[in-house]
Protein backbone atom coordinates (compact mmCIF):
# COMPACT_ATOMS: atom_id res chain seq x y z
CA MET A 1 0.00 0.00 0.00
CA SER A 2 1.17 3.52 -0.70
CA LEU A 3 -0.04 6.99 0.13
CA LYS A 4 0.34 10.03 -2.07
CA VAL A 5 1.03 13.26 -0.22
CA THR A 6 0.93 16.55 -2.05
CA PHE A 7 1.82 19.93 -0.64
CA GLU A 8 2.03 23.36 -2.14
CA LEU A 9 4.92 25.75 -1.74
CA ALA A 10 3.75 29.35 -1.49
CA LYS A 11 5.63 32.21 -3.11
CA ALA A 12 7.32 32.92 0.24
CA ASP A 13 8.46 29.28 0.44
CA LEU A 14 9.87 29.40 -3.09
CA ASP A 15 11.56 32.71 -2.31
CA HIS A 16 13.15 31.06 0.72
CA PHE A 17 14.53 28.20 -1.41
CA ARG A 18 15.80 30.71 -3.98
CA ARG A 19 17.68 32.59 -1.23
CA VAL A 20 19.14 29.36 0.11
CA MET A 21 20.24 28.33 -3.40
CA LYS A 22 21.70 31.78 -4.01
CA ASN A 23 23.72 31.50 -0.79
CA ALA A 24 24.93 28.01 -1.72
CA ARG A 25 26.01 29.26 -5.15
CA ALA A 26 27.89 32.16 -3.52
CA VAL A 27 29.78 29.72 -1.30
CA ALA A 28 30.45 27.46 -4.30
CA LYS A 29 32.14 30.31 -6.19
CA ASN A 30 35.00 29.96 -3.74
CA ARG A 31 35.21 26.25 -4.49
CA GLY A 32 36.36 24.54 -7.62
CA ARG A 33 34.27 22.40 -9.92
CA GLU A 34 35.65 19.14 -8.50
CA GLU A 35 35.11 20.27 -4.92
CA VAL A 36 31.41 20.96 -5.61
CA LEU A 37 31.02 17.62 -7.42
CA ALA A 38 32.82 15.78 -4.62
CA GLY A 39 30.66 17.48 -1.99
CA ALA A 40 27.44 16.52 -3.76
CA GLY A 41 28.77 12.97 -4.18
CA ALA A 42 29.66 12.84 -0.48
CA MET A 43 26.07 13.75 0.39
CA LEU A 44 24.91 10.77 -1.67
CA THR A 45 27.47 8.53 0.02
CA SER A 46 26.21 9.71 3.41
CA ILE A 47 22.75 8.23 2.77
CA GLU A 48 24.08 4.77 1.91
CA GLY A 49 23.17 2.30 4.58
CA ILE A 50 20.98 4.61 6.62
CA GLU A 51 17.25 4.42 6.86
CA ILE A 52 15.49 7.33 5.22
CA PRO A 53 12.03 7.46 3.66
CA GLU A 54 11.95 6.02 0.15
CA PHE A 55 10.39 9.17 -1.36
CA ILE A 56 13.40 11.13 -0.12
CA ARG A 57 15.93 8.50 -1.25
CA ASP A 58 14.36 8.42 -4.74
CA ARG A 59 14.74 12.17 -5.11
CA LEU A 60 18.27 12.31 -3.77
CA GLU A 61 19.36 9.66 -6.27
CA ARG A 62 18.54 12.14 -9.05
CA ILE A 63 21.58 14.12 -7.93
CA ARG A 64 23.73 11.28 -9.30
CA SER A 65 22.49 12.06 -12.84
CA LEU A 66 23.42 15.72 -12.44
CA ILE A 67 26.92 14.80 -11.30
CA GLN A 68 27.30 12.37 -14.22
CA MET A 69 26.05 15.01 -16.64
CA VAL A 70 28.82 17.40 -15.62
CA ARG A 71 31.53 14.74 -15.53
CA ASP A 72 30.60 12.96 -18.79
CA GLU A 73 33.33 14.00 -21.23
CA GLU A 74 31.44 12.62 -24.21
CA TRP A 75 28.39 14.72 -23.33
CA ASN A 76 30.66 17.77 -22.90
CA LEU A 77 27.93 20.00 -21.45
CA PRO A 78 28.61 23.51 -22.76
CA GLU A 79 28.26 26.84 -21.00
CA PRO A 80 26.07 28.29 -19.64
CA GLU A 81 24.28 24.99 -18.98
CA GLY A 82 27.33 23.43 -17.33
CA SER A 83 27.51 26.26 -14.83
CA GLN A 84 23.79 26.02 -14.10
CA VAL A 85 24.02 22.31 -13.31
CA LEU A 86 27.15 22.87 -11.22
CA ASN A 87 25.43 25.75 -9.41
CA SER A 88 22.45 23.54 -8.65
CA LEU A 89 24.79 20.95 -7.14
CA ALA A 90 26.28 23.59 -4.85
CA TYR A 91 23.34 23.26 -2.46
CA PHE A 92 23.92 19.52 -2.08
CA ALA A 93 27.67 20.02 -1.62
CA GLU A 94 27.06 22.23 1.41
CA PRO A 95 26.88 20.20 4.62
CA GLU A 96 24.99 22.95 6.47
CA ASP A 97 21.51 23.11 4.98
CA LEU A 98 18.00 24.04 6.11
CA ILE A 99 17.26 20.88 8.12
CA PRO A 100 20.33 19.17 9.62
CA ASP A 101 20.77 15.85 7.84
CA ASP A 102 21.23 13.94 11.10
CA ILE A 103 17.60 14.47 12.18
CA PRO A 104 16.04 11.00 11.73
CA GLY A 105 13.37 10.83 9.05
CA LEU A 106 13.35 14.53 8.22
CA GLY A 107 16.98 15.55 7.85
CA PHE A 108 16.96 15.12 4.09
CA LEU A 109 13.47 16.54 3.47
CA ASP A 110 14.82 19.97 2.49
CA ASP A 111 17.27 18.24 0.13
CA ALA A 112 14.41 16.27 -1.46
CA ILE A 113 12.41 19.46 -1.99
CA MET A 114 15.43 21.19 -3.50
CA VAL A 115 15.99 18.20 -5.82
CA GLU A 116 12.40 18.55 -7.06
CA LEU A 117 12.95 22.24 -7.76
CA VAL A 118 16.30 21.63 -9.46
CA VAL A 119 14.93 18.79 -11.61
CA ARG A 120 12.07 21.01 -12.76
CA GLU A 121 14.46 23.86 -13.47
CA LEU A 122 16.89 21.66 -15.44
CA LYS A 123 14.27 19.47 -17.15
CA HIS A 124 15.48 20.14 -20.69
CA GLU A 125 19.13 19.53 -19.83
CA ILE A 126 18.28 16.29 -17.97
CA ASP A 127 16.04 15.03 -20.79
CA ALA A 128 18.71 15.73 -23.41
CA TYR A 129 21.40 14.01 -21.34
CA HIS A 130 19.26 10.93 -20.73
CA ASP A 131 18.47 10.73 -24.46
CA PHE A 132 22.20 10.98 -25.20
CA CYS A 133 23.02 8.18 -22.73
CA THR A 134 20.27 5.97 -24.17
CA PHE A 135 21.50 6.60 -27.71
CA ARG A 136 25.13 5.95 -26.73
CA ALA A 137 24.27 2.69 -24.94
CA ALA A 138 22.22 1.44 -27.89
CA ARG A 139 24.94 2.30 -30.39
CA ASP A 140 27.68 0.84 -28.16
CA ALA A 141 25.77 -2.43 -28.04
CA GLY A 142 26.38 -2.79 -31.78
CA ASP A 143 29.63 -3.47 -33.61
CA HIS A 144 30.94 -0.11 -34.80
CA ASP A 145 34.26 1.36 -35.85
CA PRO A 146 35.66 3.59 -33.03
CA VAL A 147 36.20 6.44 -35.50
CA ASP A 148 32.55 6.26 -36.55
CA ARG A 149 31.57 6.21 -32.87
CA ALA A 150 33.15 9.61 -32.24
CA GLU A 151 31.37 11.05 -35.29
CA TRP A 152 27.90 9.74 -34.44
CA LEU A 153 28.28 10.73 -30.79
CA ALA A 154 29.28 14.27 -31.81
CA ALA A 155 26.34 14.53 -34.21
CA ARG A 156 23.87 13.24 -31.62
CA ARG A 157 25.31 15.48 -28.88
CA GLN A 158 25.04 18.53 -31.13
CA ALA A 159 21.42 17.72 -32.05
CA LEU A 160 20.37 17.09 -28.44
CA GLN A 161 22.12 20.17 -27.08
CA SER A 162 20.48 22.25 -29.80
CA ARG A 163 17.09 20.76 -28.87
CA MET A 164 17.81 21.50 -25.20
CA ARG A 165 18.54 25.18 -25.96
CA ASN A 166 15.55 25.55 -28.29
CA ARG A 167 13.20 24.15 -25.64
CA ARG A 168 14.69 26.41 -22.99
CA ARG A 169 14.34 29.42 -25.32
CA GLY A 170 10.73 28.51 -26.12
CA GLU A 171 9.97 28.12 -22.43
CA ARG A 172 11.40 31.57 -21.69
CA GLN A 173 9.33 33.12 -24.47
CA ARG A 174 6.14 31.49 -23.16
CA ARG A 175 6.89 32.73 -19.64
CA ARG A 176 7.56 36.26 -20.86
CA GLY A 177 4.16 36.20 -22.51
CA SER A 178 2.40 35.03 -19.33
CA SER A 179 4.29 36.85 -16.57
CA SER A 180 6.14 40.05 -16.03
CA SER A 181 9.31 38.42 -14.69
CA GLY A 182 9.81 35.84 -17.44
CA ARG A 183 10.72 33.38 -14.69
CA SER A 184 8.73 30.30 -13.74
CA PRO A 185 7.20 30.22 -10.25
CA PHE A 186 9.81 27.72 -9.07
CA SER A 187 12.84 29.10 -10.88
CA LEU A 188 16.02 28.95 -8.82
CA PHE A 189 18.27 30.90 -11.15
């Protein structure tokens, strides 16, 4: 048996998460790329073997995809998207967050909420990366010349990154038409 729980974050709640993310990004500016990635990875390592609610664990595991997206040399995430993903990971690299992680059952709730906001914010980048990984795995399962592999990966990467940018641009244009800020209600950046 399962139970679905839904809650709504008010504008003040979203503003609070934006401020927290902004502070985490400010701290991350003093850290290098690898330090932020290692910090986010350490947070994931910290949940291994401890009992936390499954809905929280499921969300925190999404951070792994963001880390892989930045580290994947074949994906070669360009700027400014690379910085946005890295900035989103800054929150998870910071050991001091809204709810201390050592509070049983609830310590990672703020992290799970932030993951939801980040995943929504980076939807187009995540979708493109997952499509790239699926394509790469399917092509790698076949027997191909390594030289051809580099060419078809480059072509697919270019097409998916172009799609990612076009969707992001279209989303911004739709938001500008429906709001004065041009930013979605849950935008963190």
